Amino acid sequence: MSLRIKKGDTVLILSGKDRDKKGRVLTTMPKKEQVVVEGVNIIKKHQKPSRKYPQGGIIEKEFPVHISKVMLLCPKCDKPTRIGARILEDARKVRICKKCKEVID
């Protein structure tokens, strides 16, 4: 399944402990239907010392969120919106905002 939200989009969290927070999408996982959002769903992980973390200890990192719990923020009208698709005259398929009908891509 392809996701309508892409890396770099700004999204709003709809439910959970981080409800109403905004953040930028860092990665998408289409097979799991999840996205990793910057500054949202932070977990603490006990890390053994390694080359990447020579000190080890407790680190904080972002954990994936299910795609149904996020909604895209339109860059034009700055409101949470559903995403539609439109084919332009030059045969490109682009995403559009359902509220203001503006092209997102």
N, C-alpha and C. Protein backbone atom coordinates (compact mmCIF):
# COMPACT_ATOMS: atom_id res chain seq x y z
N MET A 1 0.84 -1.18 0.00
CA MET A 1 0.00 0.00 0.00
C MET A 1 0.88 1.24 0.00
N SER A 2 0.57 2.18 -0.85
CA SER A 2 1.34 3.42 -0.89
C SER A 2 0.74 4.42 0.09
N LEU A 3 1.59 5.19 0.71
CA LEU A 3 1.14 6.18 1.68
C LEU A 3 0.92 7.52 1.00
N ARG A 4 -0.05 8.27 1.47
CA ARG A 4 -0.29 9.60 0.93
C ARG A 4 0.57 10.65 1.61
N ILE A 5 1.21 10.27 2.70
CA ILE A 5 2.10 11.17 3.42
C ILE A 5 3.54 10.80 3.06
N LYS A 6 4.35 11.80 2.76
CA LYS A 6 5.72 11.56 2.33
C LYS A 6 6.72 12.14 3.31
N LYS A 7 7.96 11.75 3.15
CA LYS A 7 9.05 12.26 3.98
C LYS A 7 9.16 13.77 3.79
N GLY A 8 9.27 14.49 4.90
CA GLY A 8 9.39 15.95 4.83
C GLY A 8 8.08 16.69 5.02
N ASP A 9 6.93 15.99 4.97
CA ASP A 9 5.64 16.64 5.19
C ASP A 9 5.49 17.01 6.66
N THR A 10 4.70 18.06 6.93
CA THR A 10 4.36 18.43 8.29
C THR A 10 3.00 17.82 8.61
N VAL A 11 2.92 17.11 9.74
CA VAL A 11 1.69 16.42 10.10
C VAL A 11 1.25 16.81 11.50
N LEU A 12 -0.03 16.56 11.78
CA LEU A 12 -0.63 16.78 13.09
C LEU A 12 -0.99 15.42 13.66
N ILE A 13 -0.67 15.19 14.94
CA ILE A 13 -0.99 13.93 15.60
C ILE A 13 -2.44 14.01 16.10
N LEU A 14 -3.26 13.02 15.74
CA LEU A 14 -4.68 13.05 16.06
C LEU A 14 -5.04 12.39 17.38
N SER A 15 -4.28 11.39 17.83
CA SER A 15 -4.64 10.71 19.06
C SER A 15 -3.40 10.18 19.76
N GLY A 16 -3.57 9.80 21.00
CA GLY A 16 -2.46 9.26 21.78
C GLY A 16 -1.90 10.29 22.74
N LYS A 17 -0.76 9.96 23.34
CA LYS A 17 -0.17 10.84 24.36
C LYS A 17 0.36 12.14 23.76
N ASP A 18 0.66 12.15 22.46
CA ASP A 18 1.19 13.34 21.80
C ASP A 18 0.13 14.06 20.96
N ARG A 19 -1.12 13.92 21.33
CA ARG A 19 -2.22 14.51 20.56
C ARG A 19 -2.03 16.02 20.40
N ASP A 20 -2.37 16.54 19.22
CA ASP A 20 -2.30 17.96 18.85
C ASP A 20 -0.88 18.48 18.69
N LYS A 21 0.12 17.61 18.66
CA LYS A 21 1.48 18.04 18.38
C LYS A 21 1.71 18.04 16.88
N LYS A 22 2.58 18.94 16.42
CA LYS A 22 2.93 19.01 15.01
C LYS A 22 4.38 18.60 14.85
N GLY A 23 4.69 17.99 13.73
CA GLY A 23 6.07 17.58 13.49
C GLY A 23 6.29 17.23 12.04
N ARG A 24 7.57 17.12 11.68
CA ARG A 24 7.97 16.79 10.31
C ARG A 24 8.21 15.29 10.22
N VAL A 25 7.77 14.68 9.12
CA VAL A 25 7.94 13.25 8.92
C VAL A 25 9.41 12.97 8.56
N LEU A 26 10.04 12.09 9.36
CA LEU A 26 11.45 11.73 9.12
C LEU A 26 11.56 10.54 8.19
N THR A 27 10.77 9.50 8.44
CA THR A 27 10.77 8.32 7.57
C THR A 27 9.36 7.76 7.45
N THR A 28 9.13 7.03 6.36
CA THR A 28 7.85 6.34 6.18
C THR A 28 8.13 4.85 6.01
N MET A 29 7.19 4.05 6.49
CA MET A 29 7.29 2.60 6.37
C MET A 29 6.00 2.09 5.74
N PRO A 30 5.92 2.05 4.40
CA PRO A 30 4.67 1.70 3.74
C PRO A 30 4.16 0.30 4.05
N LYS A 31 5.05 -0.68 4.20
CA LYS A 31 4.59 -2.05 4.46
C LYS A 31 3.95 -2.17 5.83
N LYS A 32 4.45 -1.42 6.81
CA LYS A 32 3.88 -1.45 8.16
C LYS A 32 2.81 -0.38 8.36
N GLU A 33 2.64 0.51 7.37
CA GLU A 33 1.70 1.64 7.44
C GLU A 33 2.02 2.53 8.64
N GLN A 34 3.30 2.89 8.79
CA GLN A 34 3.74 3.72 9.89
C GLN A 34 4.65 4.83 9.40
N VAL A 35 4.72 5.90 10.20
CA VAL A 35 5.63 7.01 9.93
C VAL A 35 6.35 7.37 11.22
N VAL A 36 7.56 7.91 11.09
CA VAL A 36 8.32 8.42 12.23
C VAL A 36 8.26 9.94 12.14
N VAL A 37 7.73 10.58 13.20
CA VAL A 37 7.55 12.03 13.21
C VAL A 37 8.54 12.63 14.20
N GLU A 38 9.17 13.74 13.81
CA GLU A 38 10.19 14.40 14.61
C GLU A 38 9.59 14.94 15.91
N GLY A 39 10.15 14.54 17.05
CA GLY A 39 9.73 15.05 18.35
C GLY A 39 8.45 14.45 18.89
N VAL A 40 7.96 13.37 18.28
CA VAL A 40 6.70 12.75 18.69
C VAL A 40 6.94 11.28 19.01
N ASN A 41 6.20 10.77 20.00
CA ASN A 41 6.28 9.37 20.42
C ASN A 41 7.71 9.00 20.83
N ILE A 42 8.28 9.80 21.73
CA ILE A 42 9.64 9.59 22.22
C ILE A 42 9.63 8.44 23.23
N ILE A 43 10.57 7.50 23.04
CA ILE A 43 10.72 6.40 23.99
C ILE A 43 12.13 6.45 24.56
N LYS A 44 12.30 5.82 25.70
CA LYS A 44 13.62 5.69 26.31
C LYS A 44 14.08 4.26 26.10
N LYS A 45 15.30 4.12 25.58
CA LYS A 45 15.84 2.81 25.28
C LYS A 45 17.15 2.63 26.01
N HIS A 46 17.31 1.47 26.64
CA HIS A 46 18.57 1.15 27.31
C HIS A 46 19.53 0.61 26.26
N GLN A 47 20.63 1.32 26.05
CA GLN A 47 21.56 1.01 24.97
C GLN A 47 22.88 0.53 25.55
N LYS A 48 23.33 -0.63 25.07
CA LYS A 48 24.66 -1.10 25.45
C LYS A 48 25.70 -0.26 24.74
N PRO A 49 26.88 -0.11 25.30
CA PRO A 49 27.93 0.63 24.60
C PRO A 49 28.27 -0.02 23.26
N SER A 50 28.39 0.81 22.23
CA SER A 50 28.74 0.34 20.90
C SER A 50 29.56 1.43 20.21
N ARG A 51 29.88 1.23 18.95
CA ARG A 51 30.63 2.26 18.24
C ARG A 51 29.81 3.53 18.07
N LYS A 52 28.52 3.36 17.80
CA LYS A 52 27.65 4.53 17.60
C LYS A 52 27.40 5.25 18.93
N TYR A 53 27.21 4.48 20.00
CA TYR A 53 26.99 5.04 21.34
C TYR A 53 28.07 4.52 22.28
N PRO A 54 29.26 5.12 22.27
CA PRO A 54 30.35 4.58 23.09
C PRO A 54 30.07 4.64 24.59
N GLN A 55 29.28 5.63 25.01
CA GLN A 55 28.97 5.76 26.43
C GLN A 55 27.90 4.76 26.86
N GLY A 56 26.95 4.45 25.95
CA GLY A 56 25.84 3.57 26.31
C GLY A 56 24.84 4.33 27.16
N GLY A 57 24.06 3.64 27.97
CA GLY A 57 23.11 4.28 28.87
C GLY A 57 21.71 4.34 28.28
N ILE A 58 20.92 5.28 28.78
CA ILE A 58 19.53 5.43 28.35
C ILE A 58 19.48 6.53 27.29
N ILE A 59 18.98 6.19 26.10
CA ILE A 59 18.85 7.17 25.03
C ILE A 59 17.37 7.38 24.72
N GLU A 60 17.06 8.56 24.18
CA GLU A 60 15.68 8.85 23.78
C GLU A 60 15.63 8.89 22.26
N LYS A 61 14.61 8.26 21.69
CA LYS A 61 14.48 8.25 20.24
C LYS A 61 13.01 8.25 19.85
N GLU A 62 12.74 8.68 18.60
CA GLU A 62 11.38 8.68 18.09
C GLU A 62 11.00 7.26 17.67
N PHE A 63 9.76 6.90 17.96
CA PHE A 63 9.24 5.59 17.62
C PHE A 63 8.13 5.77 16.58
N PRO A 64 7.89 4.79 15.70
CA PRO A 64 6.88 4.96 14.66
C PRO A 64 5.46 5.14 15.20
N VAL A 65 4.65 5.85 14.41
CA VAL A 65 3.24 6.09 14.71
C VAL A 65 2.44 5.54 13.53
N HIS A 66 1.28 4.95 13.81
CA HIS A 66 0.46 4.42 12.72
C HIS A 66 -0.07 5.56 11.87
N ILE A 67 -0.19 5.32 10.58
CA ILE A 67 -0.56 6.35 9.61
C ILE A 67 -1.96 6.91 9.87
N SER A 68 -2.84 6.11 10.50
CA SER A 68 -4.21 6.57 10.77
C SER A 68 -4.26 7.60 11.90
N LYS A 69 -3.17 7.74 12.65
CA LYS A 69 -3.15 8.69 13.76
C LYS A 69 -2.53 10.03 13.40
N VAL A 70 -2.18 10.23 12.12
CA VAL A 70 -1.62 11.51 11.69
C VAL A 70 -2.44 12.08 10.54
N MET A 71 -2.42 13.41 10.43
CA MET A 71 -3.11 14.09 9.33
C MET A 71 -2.21 15.17 8.79
N LEU A 72 -2.14 15.27 7.48
CA LEU A 72 -1.27 16.22 6.81
C LEU A 72 -1.73 17.65 7.07
N LEU A 73 -0.76 18.55 7.34
CA LEU A 73 -1.05 19.98 7.44
C LEU A 73 -0.76 20.61 6.09
N CYS A 74 -1.76 21.27 5.52
CA CYS A 74 -1.59 21.90 4.21
C CYS A 74 -0.62 23.07 4.34
N PRO A 75 0.41 23.13 3.48
CA PRO A 75 1.37 24.23 3.56
C PRO A 75 0.77 25.58 3.17
N LYS A 76 -0.32 25.58 2.39
CA LYS A 76 -0.94 26.83 1.94
C LYS A 76 -1.90 27.40 2.98
N CYS A 77 -2.88 26.58 3.43
CA CYS A 77 -3.89 27.09 4.37
C CYS A 77 -3.56 26.77 5.82
N ASP A 78 -2.50 25.97 6.08
CA ASP A 78 -2.02 25.62 7.42
C ASP A 78 -3.10 24.98 8.28
N LYS A 79 -3.95 24.16 7.67
CA LYS A 79 -4.99 23.43 8.39
C LYS A 79 -4.81 21.94 8.14
N PRO A 80 -5.20 21.09 9.11
CA PRO A 80 -5.14 19.65 8.87
C PRO A 80 -6.17 19.28 7.80
N THR A 81 -5.76 18.48 6.84
CA THR A 81 -6.63 18.19 5.71
C THR A 81 -6.44 16.77 5.21
N ARG A 82 -7.48 16.29 4.53
CA ARG A 82 -7.34 15.03 3.81
C ARG A 82 -6.65 15.33 2.49
N ILE A 83 -6.18 14.28 1.84
CA ILE A 83 -5.38 14.45 0.63
C ILE A 83 -6.13 13.85 -0.55
N GLY A 84 -6.20 14.60 -1.63
CA GLY A 84 -6.78 14.11 -2.87
C GLY A 84 -5.70 14.02 -3.93
N ALA A 85 -6.09 13.54 -5.10
CA ALA A 85 -5.14 13.43 -6.21
C ALA A 85 -5.74 14.09 -7.44
N ARG A 86 -4.88 14.67 -8.24
CA ARG A 86 -5.30 15.31 -9.48
C ARG A 86 -4.22 15.07 -10.53
N ILE A 87 -4.63 14.89 -11.76
CA ILE A 87 -3.68 14.74 -12.86
C ILE A 87 -3.66 16.06 -13.62
N LEU A 88 -2.47 16.64 -13.74
CA LEU A 88 -2.31 17.92 -14.41
C LEU A 88 -2.26 17.74 -15.93
N GLU A 89 -2.21 18.88 -16.65
CA GLU A 89 -2.19 18.84 -18.11
C GLU A 89 -0.96 18.13 -18.66
N ASP A 90 0.16 18.23 -17.93
CA ASP A 90 1.38 17.57 -18.39
C ASP A 90 1.49 16.12 -17.89
N ALA A 91 0.35 15.52 -17.54
CA ALA A 91 0.21 14.11 -17.15
C ALA A 91 0.93 13.76 -15.85
N ARG A 92 1.18 14.76 -14.99
CA ARG A 92 1.76 14.49 -13.67
C ARG A 92 0.63 14.29 -12.67
N LYS A 93 0.79 13.32 -11.79
CA LYS A 93 -0.18 13.09 -10.72
C LYS A 93 0.32 13.81 -9.47
N VAL A 94 -0.48 14.71 -8.91
CA VAL A 94 -0.07 15.50 -7.76
C VAL A 94 -1.08 15.35 -6.64
N ARG A 95 -0.63 15.65 -5.42
CA ARG A 95 -1.52 15.64 -4.26
C ARG A 95 -2.16 17.02 -4.12
N ILE A 96 -3.44 17.05 -3.71
CA ILE A 96 -4.12 18.33 -3.50
C ILE A 96 -4.75 18.35 -2.11
N CYS A 97 -4.91 19.55 -1.58
CA CYS A 97 -5.58 19.77 -0.30
C CYS A 97 -7.08 19.73 -0.55
N LYS A 98 -7.82 18.97 0.25
CA LYS A 98 -9.26 18.87 0.08
C LYS A 98 -9.99 20.12 0.55
N LYS A 99 -9.34 20.94 1.39
CA LYS A 99 -10.01 22.15 1.91
C LYS A 99 -9.84 23.33 0.98
N CYS A 100 -8.60 23.63 0.57
CA CYS A 100 -8.37 24.82 -0.25
C CYS A 100 -8.14 24.51 -1.72
N LYS A 101 -8.15 23.21 -2.08
CA LYS A 101 -7.98 22.75 -3.47
C LYS A 101 -6.66 23.15 -4.11
N GLU A 102 -5.64 23.45 -3.29
CA GLU A 102 -4.32 23.83 -3.80
C GLU A 102 -3.44 22.60 -3.96
N VAL A 103 -2.51 22.65 -4.88
CA VAL A 103 -1.56 21.56 -5.12
C VAL A 103 -0.52 21.56 -4.00
N ILE A 104 -0.29 20.39 -3.41
CA ILE A 104 0.69 20.26 -2.31
C ILE A 104 2.08 20.00 -2.87
N ASP A 105 2.20 19.14 -3.88
CA ASP A 105 3.51 18.81 -4.46
C ASP A 105 3.86 19.80 -5.53
